[in-house]
């Protein structure tokens, strides 16, 4: 295997690893958001205290 082919193989492996890392990170963020929302709902917090509250919605209500 030539040096250029070895470098290209390594770069392709890194690209696939980075895609997997981004996927796992997004999955973790999504799981955190849903977990936080479920925890807030279970604790009986009003919806205004949840993660999705925006200031425009809160002030117009």
N, C-alpha and C. Protein backbone atom coordinates (compact mmCIF):
# COMPACT_ATOMS: atom_id res chain seq x y z
N UNK A 1 0.86 -1.19 0.00
CA UNK A 1 0.00 0.00 0.00
C UNK A 1 0.89 1.24 0.00
N UNK A 2 0.62 2.12 -0.94
CA UNK A 2 1.43 3.34 -1.02
C UNK A 2 1.09 4.26 0.15
N UNK A 3 1.96 5.22 0.33
CA UNK A 3 1.76 6.17 1.41
C UNK A 3 0.46 6.97 1.20
N UNK A 4 0.21 7.41 -0.04
CA UNK A 4 -1.00 8.18 -0.33
C UNK A 4 -2.27 7.37 -0.08
N UNK A 5 -2.24 6.10 -0.45
CA UNK A 5 -3.41 5.24 -0.23
C UNK A 5 -3.64 5.03 1.26
N UNK A 6 -2.57 4.90 2.02
CA UNK A 6 -2.69 4.73 3.47
C UNK A 6 -3.28 5.99 4.10
N UNK A 7 -2.82 7.16 3.63
CA UNK A 7 -3.36 8.42 4.17
C UNK A 7 -4.83 8.55 3.82
N UNK A 8 -5.20 8.22 2.57
CA UNK A 8 -6.60 8.33 2.17
C UNK A 8 -7.48 7.36 2.96
N UNK A 9 -7.00 6.16 3.22
CA UNK A 9 -7.75 5.19 4.03
C UNK A 9 -7.95 5.72 5.44
N UNK A 10 -6.91 6.29 6.00
CA UNK A 10 -7.00 6.87 7.35
C UNK A 10 -7.99 8.05 7.38
N UNK A 11 -7.95 8.88 6.35
CA UNK A 11 -8.86 10.03 6.31
C UNK A 11 -10.31 9.56 6.19
N UNK A 12 -10.55 8.52 5.38
CA UNK A 12 -11.91 8.01 5.25
C UNK A 12 -12.39 7.43 6.58
N UNK A 13 -11.51 6.74 7.30
CA UNK A 13 -11.88 6.19 8.60
C UNK A 13 -12.21 7.31 9.58
N UNK A 14 -11.43 8.38 9.56
CA UNK A 14 -11.69 9.51 10.45
C UNK A 14 -13.03 10.17 10.11
N UNK A 15 -13.34 10.31 8.83
CA UNK A 15 -14.61 10.91 8.45
C UNK A 15 -15.77 10.07 8.97
N UNK A 16 -15.67 8.75 8.83
CA UNK A 16 -16.75 7.90 9.31
C UNK A 16 -16.84 7.94 10.84
N UNK A 17 -15.70 7.99 11.51
CA UNK A 17 -15.71 8.09 12.98
C UNK A 17 -16.32 9.41 13.42
N UNK A 18 -16.02 10.49 12.70
CA UNK A 18 -16.58 11.79 13.08
C UNK A 18 -18.08 11.80 12.89
N UNK A 19 -18.57 11.18 11.81
CA UNK A 19 -20.02 11.11 11.60
C UNK A 19 -20.67 10.34 12.74
N UNK A 20 -20.06 9.26 13.17
CA UNK A 20 -20.61 8.47 14.27
C UNK A 20 -20.59 9.26 15.56
N UNK A 21 -19.51 9.99 15.80
CA UNK A 21 -19.42 10.80 17.02
C UNK A 21 -20.48 11.89 17.04
N UNK A 22 -20.73 12.52 15.90
CA UNK A 22 -21.76 13.55 15.83
C UNK A 22 -23.13 12.93 16.07
N UNK A 23 -23.37 11.75 15.50
CA UNK A 23 -24.64 11.05 15.71
C UNK A 23 -24.84 10.73 17.19
N UNK A 24 -23.83 10.21 17.84
CA UNK A 24 -23.93 9.87 19.26
C UNK A 24 -24.14 11.12 20.10
N UNK A 25 -23.46 12.21 19.75
CA UNK A 25 -23.64 13.46 20.50
C UNK A 25 -25.07 13.99 20.36
N UNK A 26 -25.60 13.97 19.15
CA UNK A 26 -26.98 14.43 18.95
C UNK A 26 -27.97 13.53 19.66
N UNK A 27 -27.71 12.24 19.65
CA UNK A 27 -28.56 11.30 20.36
C UNK A 27 -28.53 11.59 21.86
N UNK A 28 -27.36 11.89 22.39
CA UNK A 28 -27.24 12.22 23.81
C UNK A 28 -27.96 13.50 24.18
N UNK A 29 -27.85 14.52 23.32
CA UNK A 29 -28.55 15.78 23.58
C UNK A 29 -30.06 15.56 23.55
N UNK A 30 -30.53 14.80 22.56
CA UNK A 30 -31.96 14.52 22.46
C UNK A 30 -32.45 13.75 23.69
N UNK A 31 -31.70 12.75 24.11
CA UNK A 31 -32.09 11.97 25.29
C UNK A 31 -32.11 12.86 26.53
N UNK A 32 -31.14 13.77 26.65
CA UNK A 32 -31.12 14.68 27.79
C UNK A 32 -32.36 15.56 27.80
N UNK A 33 -32.71 16.12 26.63
CA UNK A 33 -33.87 17.02 26.57
C UNK A 33 -35.15 16.27 26.95
N UNK A 34 -35.34 15.09 26.36
CA UNK A 34 -36.56 14.33 26.68
C UNK A 34 -36.55 13.88 28.14
N UNK A 35 -35.39 13.51 28.66
CA UNK A 35 -35.30 13.12 30.06
C UNK A 35 -35.59 14.28 30.99
N UNK A 36 -35.07 15.44 30.66
CA UNK A 36 -35.32 16.63 31.48
C UNK A 36 -36.80 17.00 31.46
N UNK A 37 -37.41 16.95 30.28
CA UNK A 37 -38.83 17.26 30.17
C UNK A 37 -39.67 16.27 30.97
N UNK A 38 -39.35 15.00 30.89
CA UNK A 38 -40.10 13.99 31.63
C UNK A 38 -39.92 14.20 33.14
N UNK A 39 -38.69 14.54 33.55
CA UNK A 39 -38.43 14.77 34.97
C UNK A 39 -39.22 15.99 35.46
N UNK A 40 -39.27 17.05 34.66
CA UNK A 40 -40.03 18.23 35.05
C UNK A 40 -41.53 17.91 35.15
N UNK A 41 -42.04 17.16 34.19
CA UNK A 41 -43.45 16.81 34.20
C UNK A 41 -43.76 15.91 35.40
N UNK A 42 -42.87 14.97 35.69
CA UNK A 42 -43.07 14.07 36.83
C UNK A 42 -43.04 14.84 38.14
N UNK A 43 -42.21 15.87 38.20
CA UNK A 43 -42.11 16.68 39.42
C UNK A 43 -43.30 17.62 39.57
N UNK A 44 -44.14 17.71 38.54
CA UNK A 44 -45.33 18.54 38.62
C UNK A 44 -45.07 20.00 38.33
N UNK A 45 -43.96 20.29 37.70
CA UNK A 45 -43.66 21.69 37.38
C UNK A 45 -44.60 22.17 36.28
N UNK A 46 -45.04 23.42 36.38
CA UNK A 46 -45.87 23.96 35.30
C UNK A 46 -45.07 24.06 34.02
N UNK A 47 -45.77 24.02 32.88
CA UNK A 47 -45.06 23.99 31.61
C UNK A 47 -44.16 25.20 31.39
N UNK A 48 -44.50 26.33 32.00
CA UNK A 48 -43.70 27.53 31.82
C UNK A 48 -42.27 27.38 32.36
N UNK A 49 -42.05 26.44 33.24
CA UNK A 49 -40.70 26.26 33.78
C UNK A 49 -39.90 25.25 33.00
N UNK A 50 -40.46 24.71 31.94
CA UNK A 50 -39.75 23.70 31.17
C UNK A 50 -38.74 24.33 30.22
N UNK A 51 -37.97 23.46 29.59
CA UNK A 51 -36.89 23.87 28.71
C UNK A 51 -37.38 24.65 27.50
N UNK A 52 -38.57 24.35 27.01
CA UNK A 52 -39.04 24.91 25.75
C UNK A 52 -39.64 26.31 25.90
N UNK A 53 -39.76 26.81 27.12
CA UNK A 53 -40.37 28.13 27.31
C UNK A 53 -39.55 29.21 26.62
N UNK A 54 -40.23 30.06 25.89
CA UNK A 54 -39.54 31.21 25.30
C UNK A 54 -40.07 32.47 25.97
N UNK A 55 -39.28 33.51 25.99
CA UNK A 55 -39.68 34.74 26.67
C UNK A 55 -40.88 35.38 25.98
N UNK A 56 -40.98 35.24 24.66
CA UNK A 56 -42.10 35.87 23.97
C UNK A 56 -43.42 35.20 24.34
N UNK A 57 -43.41 33.89 24.50
CA UNK A 57 -44.62 33.18 24.88
C UNK A 57 -44.98 33.51 26.32
N UNK A 58 -43.98 33.58 27.19
CA UNK A 58 -44.23 33.84 28.61
C UNK A 58 -44.78 35.24 28.83
N UNK A 59 -44.29 36.21 28.09
CA UNK A 59 -44.74 37.58 28.32
C UNK A 59 -46.08 37.87 27.67
N UNK A 60 -46.42 37.12 26.62
CA UNK A 60 -47.69 37.39 25.95
C UNK A 60 -48.87 36.70 26.63
N UNK A 61 -48.59 35.76 27.51
CA UNK A 61 -49.68 35.01 28.15
C UNK A 61 -50.30 35.79 29.29
